[in-house]
Every structure is written in structure tokens, then in C-alpha cells.
PDB file of N, CA and C in Angstrom:
ATOM      1  N   MET A   1      64.834 160.236  83.385  1.00  0.00           N
ATOM      2  CA  MET A   1      64.332 160.623  84.230  1.00  0.00           C
ATOM      3  C   MET A   1      66.733 161.075  85.401  1.00  0.00           C
ATOM      4  N   ALA A   2      66.987 162.708  85.041  1.00  0.00           N
ATOM      5  CA  ALA A   2      67.900 162.391  85.930  1.00  0.00           C
ATOM      6  C   ALA A   2      68.392 162.134  87.343  1.00  0.00           C
ATOM      7  N   ASN A   3      69.272 161.728  87.957  1.00  0.00           N
ATOM      8  CA  ASN A   3      69.791 161.097  89.311  1.00  0.00           C
ATOM      9  C   ASN A   3      69.629 162.410  90.607  1.00  0.00           C
ATOM     10  N   PRO A   4      68.845 161.940  90.680  1.00  0.00           N
ATOM     11  CA  PRO A   4      68.868 163.017  91.487  1.00  0.00           C
ATOM     12  C   PRO A   4      69.526 163.436  92.080  1.00  0.00           C
ATOM     13  N   TRP A   5      70.986 162.533  92.787  1.00  0.00           N
ATOM     14  CA  TRP A   5      71.242 162.490  93.621  1.00  0.00           C
ATOM     15  C   TRP A   5      72.501 162.981  93.269  1.00  0.00           C
ATOM     16  N   LEU A   6      73.072 163.526  91.917  1.00  0.00           N
ATOM     17  CA  LEU A   6      73.876 164.325  91.383  1.00  0.00           C
ATOM     18  C   LEU A   6      73.522 166.173  91.627  1.00  0.00           C
ATOM     19  N   LYS A   7      72.088 166.325  92.315  1.00  0.00           N
ATOM     20  CA  LYS A   7      71.682 167.738  91.448  1.00  0.00           C
ATOM     21  C   LYS A   7      72.600 168.545  93.401  1.00  0.00           C
ATOM     22  N   LYS A   8      72.426 170.455  93.234  1.00  0.00           N
ATOM     23  CA  LYS A   8      72.319 170.072  94.423  1.00  0.00           C
ATOM     24  C   LYS A   8      71.682 170.345  96.106  1.00  0.00           C
ATOM     25  N   LYS A   9      70.561 169.493  95.865  1.00  0.00           N
ATOM     26  CA  LYS A   9      69.466 169.786  96.560  1.00  0.00           C
ATOM     27  C   LYS A   9      69.298 168.480  96.459  1.00  0.00           C
ATOM     28  N   PRO A  10      69.412 167.499  97.336  1.00  0.00           N
ATOM     29  CA  PRO A  10      68.853 165.968  96.186  1.00  0.00           C
ATOM     30  C   PRO A  10      67.706 165.335  97.458  1.00  0.00           C
ATOM     31  N   VAL A  11      67.483 166.495  98.711  1.00  0.00           N
ATOM     32  CA  VAL A  11      66.502 165.527  99.665  1.00  0.00           C
ATOM     33  C   VAL A  11      64.631 166.678  98.911  1.00  0.00           C
ATOM     34  N   MET A  12      65.602 167.758  98.602  1.00  0.00           N
ATOM     35  CA  MET A  12      64.366 168.720  98.113  1.00  0.00           C
ATOM     36  C   MET A  12      63.874 168.225  96.453  1.00  0.00           C
ATOM     37  N   SER A  13      65.389 167.630  95.581  1.00  0.00           N
ATOM     38  CA  SER A  13      64.429 167.364  93.795  1.00  0.00           C
ATOM     39  C   SER A  13      63.576 165.955  94.466  1.00  0.00           C
ATOM     40  N   LEU A  14      64.060 165.534  95.509  1.00  0.00           N
ATOM     41  CA  LEU A  14      62.911 163.769  95.460  1.00  0.00           C
ATOM     42  C   LEU A  14      61.996 164.424  96.818  1.00  0.00           C
ATOM     43  N   TRP A  15      62.205 165.143  96.989  1.00  0.00           N
ATOM     44  CA  TRP A  15      60.311 165.562  97.852  1.00  0.00           C
ATOM     45  C   TRP A  15      59.636 166.212  96.835  1.00  0.00           C
ATOM     46  N   LEU A  16      59.942 167.359  96.442  1.00  0.00           N
ATOM     47  CA  LEU A  16      59.469 168.122  95.123  1.00  0.00           C
ATOM     48  C   LEU A  16      58.893 166.957  95.026  1.00  0.00           C
ATOM     49  N   SER A  17      59.132 165.597  93.820  1.00  0.00           N
ATOM     50  CA  SER A  17      58.880 164.436  93.007  1.00  0.00           C
ATOM     51  C   SER A  17      58.160 164.259  93.224  1.00  0.00           C
ATOM     52  N   THR A  18      58.570 163.407  94.515  1.00  0.00           N
ATOM     53  CA  THR A  18      57.044 162.990  95.214  1.00  0.00           C
ATOM     54  C   THR A  18      55.155 163.923  95.825  1.00  0.00           C
ATOM     55  N   VAL A  19      56.221 164.478  96.133  1.00  0.00           N
ATOM     56  CA  VAL A  19      55.090 165.875  96.541  1.00  0.00           C
ATOM     57  C   VAL A  19      53.643 166.118  95.025  1.00  0.00           C
ATOM     58  N   ASN A  20      54.934 167.016  93.828  1.00  0.00           N
ATOM     59  CA  ASN A  20      54.247 166.587  92.027  1.00  0.00           C
ATOM     60  C   ASN A  20      53.085 165.035  92.358  1.00  0.00           C
ATOM     61  N   ARG A  21      54.130 164.248  92.892  1.00  0.00           N
ATOM     62  CA  ARG A  21      53.344 163.058  92.152  1.00  0.00           C
ATOM     63  C   ARG A  21      52.127 162.927  93.068  1.00  0.00           C
ATOM     64  N   VAL A  22      51.759 163.364  94.419  1.00  0.00           N
ATOM     65  CA  VAL A  22      50.352 162.917  94.746  1.00  0.00           C
ATOM     66  C   VAL A  22      49.799 164.002  94.557  1.00  0.00           C
ATOM     67  N   ALA A  23      50.001 165.439  94.301  1.00  0.00           N
ATOM     68  CA  ALA A  23      49.320 165.967  94.285  1.00  0.00           C
ATOM     69  C   ALA A  23      48.746 165.841  92.596  1.00  0.00           C
ATOM     70  N   GLY A  24      49.296 164.994  91.414  1.00  0.00           N
ATOM     71  CA  GLY A  24      48.655 164.990  89.805  1.00  0.00           C
ATOM     72  C   GLY A  24      48.322 163.447  90.694  1.00  0.00           C
ATOM     73  N   THR A  25      47.816 162.524  91.538  1.00  0.00           N
ATOM     74  CA  THR A  25      47.278 161.624  91.780  1.00  0.00           C
ATOM     75  C   THR A  25      45.157 162.346  91.891  1.00  0.00           C
ATOM     76  N   LEU A  26      46.063 163.399  92.987  1.00  0.00           N
ATOM     77  CA  LEU A  26      44.949 163.886  93.635  1.00  0.00           C
ATOM     78  C   LEU A  26      43.733 164.612  92.852  1.00  0.00           C
ATOM     79  N   ARG A  27      44.896 164.922  91.814  1.00  0.00           N
ATOM     80  CA  ARG A  27      44.674 166.695  90.996  1.00  0.00           C
ATOM     81  C   ARG A  27      43.161 165.371  89.954  1.00  0.00           C
ATOM     82  N   GLY A  28      43.622 164.170  89.509  1.00  0.00           N
ATOM     83  CA  GLY A  28      42.982 163.606  88.343  1.00  0.00           C
ATOM     84  C   GLY A  28      41.393 162.222  89.290  1.00  0.00           C
ATOM     85  N   HIS A  29      41.542 162.302  90.867  1.00  0.00           N
ATOM     86  CA  HIS A  29      40.941 162.253  91.066  1.00  0.00           C
ATOM     87  C   HIS A  29      40.258 162.898  91.434  1.00  0.00           C
ATOM     88  N   ALA A  30      39.832 163.721  91.552  1.00  0.00           N
ATOM     89  CA  ALA A  30      39.060 164.564  91.588  1.00  0.00           C
ATOM     90  C   ALA A  30      38.132 165.194  90.317  1.00  0.00           C
ATOM     91  N   THR A  31      38.743 164.589  89.589  1.00  0.00           N
ATOM     92  CA  THR A  31      39.114 165.618  87.780  1.00  0.00           C
ATOM     93  C   THR A  31      37.369 164.930  88.351  1.00  0.00           C
ATOM     94  N   ALA A  32      38.192 163.627  88.292  1.00  0.00           N
ATOM     95  CA  ALA A  32      37.214 161.675  87.620  1.00  0.00           C
ATOM     96  C   ALA A  32      35.655 162.049  89.058  1.00  0.00           C
ATOM     97  N   GLN A  33      36.175 162.789  89.862  1.00  0.00           N
ATOM     98  CA  GLN A  33      34.462 162.582  90.175  1.00  0.00           C
ATOM     99  C   GLN A  33      33.745 163.204  89.864  1.00  0.00           C
ATOM    100  N   ALA A  34      34.594 164.845  89.486  1.00  0.00           N
ATOM    101  CA  ALA A  34      34.005 165.944  89.098  1.00  0.00           C
ATOM    102  C   ALA A  34      33.168 165.705  87.343  1.00  0.00           C
ATOM    103  N   ARG A  35      33.802 165.328  87.781  1.00  0.00           N
ATOM    104  CA  ARG A  35      32.922 164.378  85.303  1.00  0.00           C
ATOM    105  C   ARG A  35      31.927 163.187  85.695  1.00  0.00           C
ATOM    106  N   ARG A  36      32.262 162.576  86.463  1.00  0.00           N
ATOM    107  CA  ARG A  36      30.927 162.243  86.858  1.00  0.00           C
ATOM    108  C   ARG A  36      29.682 162.413  87.637  1.00  0.00           C
ATOM    109  N   ARG A  37      30.183 163.048  88.588  1.00  0.00           N
ATOM    110  CA  ARG A  37      29.662 164.420  89.125  1.00  0.00           C
ATOM    111  C   ARG A  37      28.091 164.776  88.173  1.00  0.00           C
ATOM    112  N   VAL A  38      28.709 165.368  86.996  1.00  0.00           N
ATOM    113  CA  VAL A  38      28.183 166.209  86.008  1.00  0.00           C
ATOM    114  C   VAL A  38      27.434 165.524  84.973  1.00  0.00           C
ATOM    115  N   LYS A  39      28.296 164.887  84.572  1.00  0.00           N
ATOM    116  CA  LYS A  39      27.450 163.335  83.770  1.00  0.00           C
ATOM    117  C   LYS A  39      26.791 162.558  84.894  1.00  0.00           C
ATOM    118  N   ALA A  40      26.335 162.642  85.866  1.00  0.00           N
ATOM    119  CA  ALA A  40      24.729 161.992  86.579  1.00  0.00           C
ATOM    120  C   ALA A  40      24.042 163.429  86.483  1.00  0.00           C
ATOM    121  N   ALA A  41      24.116 164.281  87.581  1.00  0.00           N
ATOM    122  CA  ALA A  41      23.919 165.574  86.498  1.00  0.00           C
ATOM    123  C   ALA A  41      23.016 166.078  85.624  1.00  0.00           C
ATOM    124  N   THR A  42      23.512 165.563  84.893  1.00  0.00           N
ATOM    125  CA  THR A  42      23.087 165.454  83.409  1.00  0.00           C
ATOM    126  C   THR A  42      21.959 164.525  83.071  1.00  0.00           C
ATOM    127  N   ALA A  43      22.130 163.141  83.616  1.00  0.00           N
ATOM    128  CA  ALA A  43      21.482 162.340  83.079  1.00  0.00           C
ATOM    129  C   ALA A  43      19.608 162.603  83.489  1.00  0.00           C
ATOM    130  N   ASP A  44      20.608 163.020  85.179  1.00  0.00           N
ATOM    131  CA  ASP A  44      19.252 163.468  85.877  1.00  0.00           C
ATOM    132  C   ASP A  44      18.234 164.946  84.498  1.00  0.00           C
ATOM    133  N   ALA A  45      19.047 165.382  84.657  1.00  0.00           N
ATOM    134  CA  ALA A  45      17.493 166.873  83.960  1.00  0.00           C
ATOM    135  C   ALA A  45      17.264 166.704  82.692  1.00  0.00           C
ATOM    136  N   LEU A  46      18.424 165.719  81.989  1.00  0.00           N
ATOM    137  CA  LEU A  46      17.475 165.210  80.417  1.00  0.00           C
ATOM    138  C   LEU A  46      16.056 163.806  80.748  1.00  0.00           C
ATOM    139  N   ALA A  47      16.239 163.423  82.325  1.00  0.00           N
ATOM    140  CA  ALA A  47      15.719 161.932  82.108  1.00  0.00           C
ATOM    141  C   ALA A  47      13.696 162.457  82.047  1.00  0.00           C
ATOM    142  N   PRO A  48      13.243 161.711  81.963  1.00  0.00           N
ATOM    143  CA  PRO A  48      11.630 161.901  82.029  1.00  0.00           C
ATOM    144  C   PRO A  48      10.722 162.051  83.308  1.00  0.00           C
ATOM    145  N   THR A  49      10.766 162.795  83.237  1.00  0.00           N
ATOM    146  CA  THR A  49       9.707 162.339  84.250  1.00  0.00           C
ATOM    147  C   THR A  49       8.593 161.442  84.567  1.00  0.00           C
ATOM    148  N   ALA A  50       8.733 160.806  85.506  1.00  0.00           N
ATOM    149  CA  ALA A  50       7.754 159.985  85.957  1.00  0.00           C
ATOM    150  C   ALA A  50       5.794 160.795  85.979  1.00  0.00           C
ATOM    151  N   PRO A  51       5.027 160.228  85.261  1.00  0.00           N
ATOM    152  CA  PRO A  51       3.755 160.565  84.966  1.00  0.00           C
ATOM    153  C   PRO A  51       3.518 160.057  86.817  1.00  0.00           C
ATOM    154  N   LYS A  52       2.499 161.338  87.054  1.00  0.00           N
ATOM    155  CA  LYS A  52       2.118 161.708  88.448  1.00  0.00           C
ATOM    156  C   LYS A  52       0.791 161.095  88.759  1.00  0.00           C
ATOM    157  N   ALA A  53       0.125 159.829  89.320  1.00  0.00           N
ATOM    158  CA  ALA A  53      -0.338 158.539  89.610  1.00  0.00           C
ATOM    159  C   ALA A  53      -2.271 159.831  89.608  1.00  0.00           C
ATOM    160  N   LYS A  54      -3.177 158.952  89.007  1.00  0.00           N
ATOM    161  CA  LYS A  54      -4.092 159.867  88.987  1.00  0.00           C
ATOM    162  C   LYS A  54      -4.509 159.316  90.142  1.00  0.00           C
ATOM    163  N   PRO A  55      -5.743 159.761  90.546  1.00  0.00           N
ATOM    164  CA  PRO A  55      -6.642 159.736  91.915  1.00  0.00           C
ATOM    165  C   PRO A  55      -7.577 158.865  91.475  1.00  0.00           C
ATOM    166  N   GLY A  56      -7.260 157.800  92.172  1.00  0.00           N
ATOM    167  CA  GLY A  56      -8.336 156.899  92.440  1.00  0.00           C
ATOM    168  C   GLY A  56     -10.372 157.823  92.416  1.00  0.00           C
ATOM    169  N   ARG A  57     -11.397 156.975  91.420  1.00  0.00           N
ATOM    170  CA  ARG A  57     -12.578 157.121  91.654  1.00  0.00           C
ATOM    171  C   ARG A  57     -13.219 156.821  92.045  1.00  0.00           C
ATOM    172  N   LYS A  58     -13.865 158.649  92.888  1.00  0.00           N
ATOM    173  CA  LYS A  58     -14.873 158.228  94.701  1.00  0.00           C
ATOM    174  C   LYS A  58     -16.139 157.870  94.623  1.00  0.00           C
ATOM    175  N   ARG A  59     -17.082 156.850  94.995  1.00  0.00           N
ATOM    176  CA  ARG A  59     -18.233 156.751  94.448  1.00  0.00           C
ATOM    177  C   ARG A  59     -19.158 156.929  95.439  1.00  0.00           C
TER     178      ARG A  59
END
């Protein structure tokens, strides 16, 4: 990585680098959460349904 203090606007460069790092982290967390939700929804949709309880015999 180039030295940000040698650029024309070092504070802007450092600020944007930090913002890009935070945005990447948030995007990664959001993507992981979305994948977990899709995986859970798919598992629920494909899981076999539980058999219904039969009513008791009346005498």
C-alpha cells in the first residue's frame, strides 16, 4: 500500500480507506446472514412434514 501521507489529501485518503474497510466488513456480515437465512428456509421447505396425530377411538 502506498504511503497515504504523500498524497495531496492524506486525511481524505485515510478516511475513505477506513470507510471502504467498514463497508466491506458490513457487506460480508450481511451476505453471510442472507446465506444462513436462505439455507434455513430451504431446509425448512425440503424437510418432511410431521405426520398428523390420529384422533383417539371413541367408545
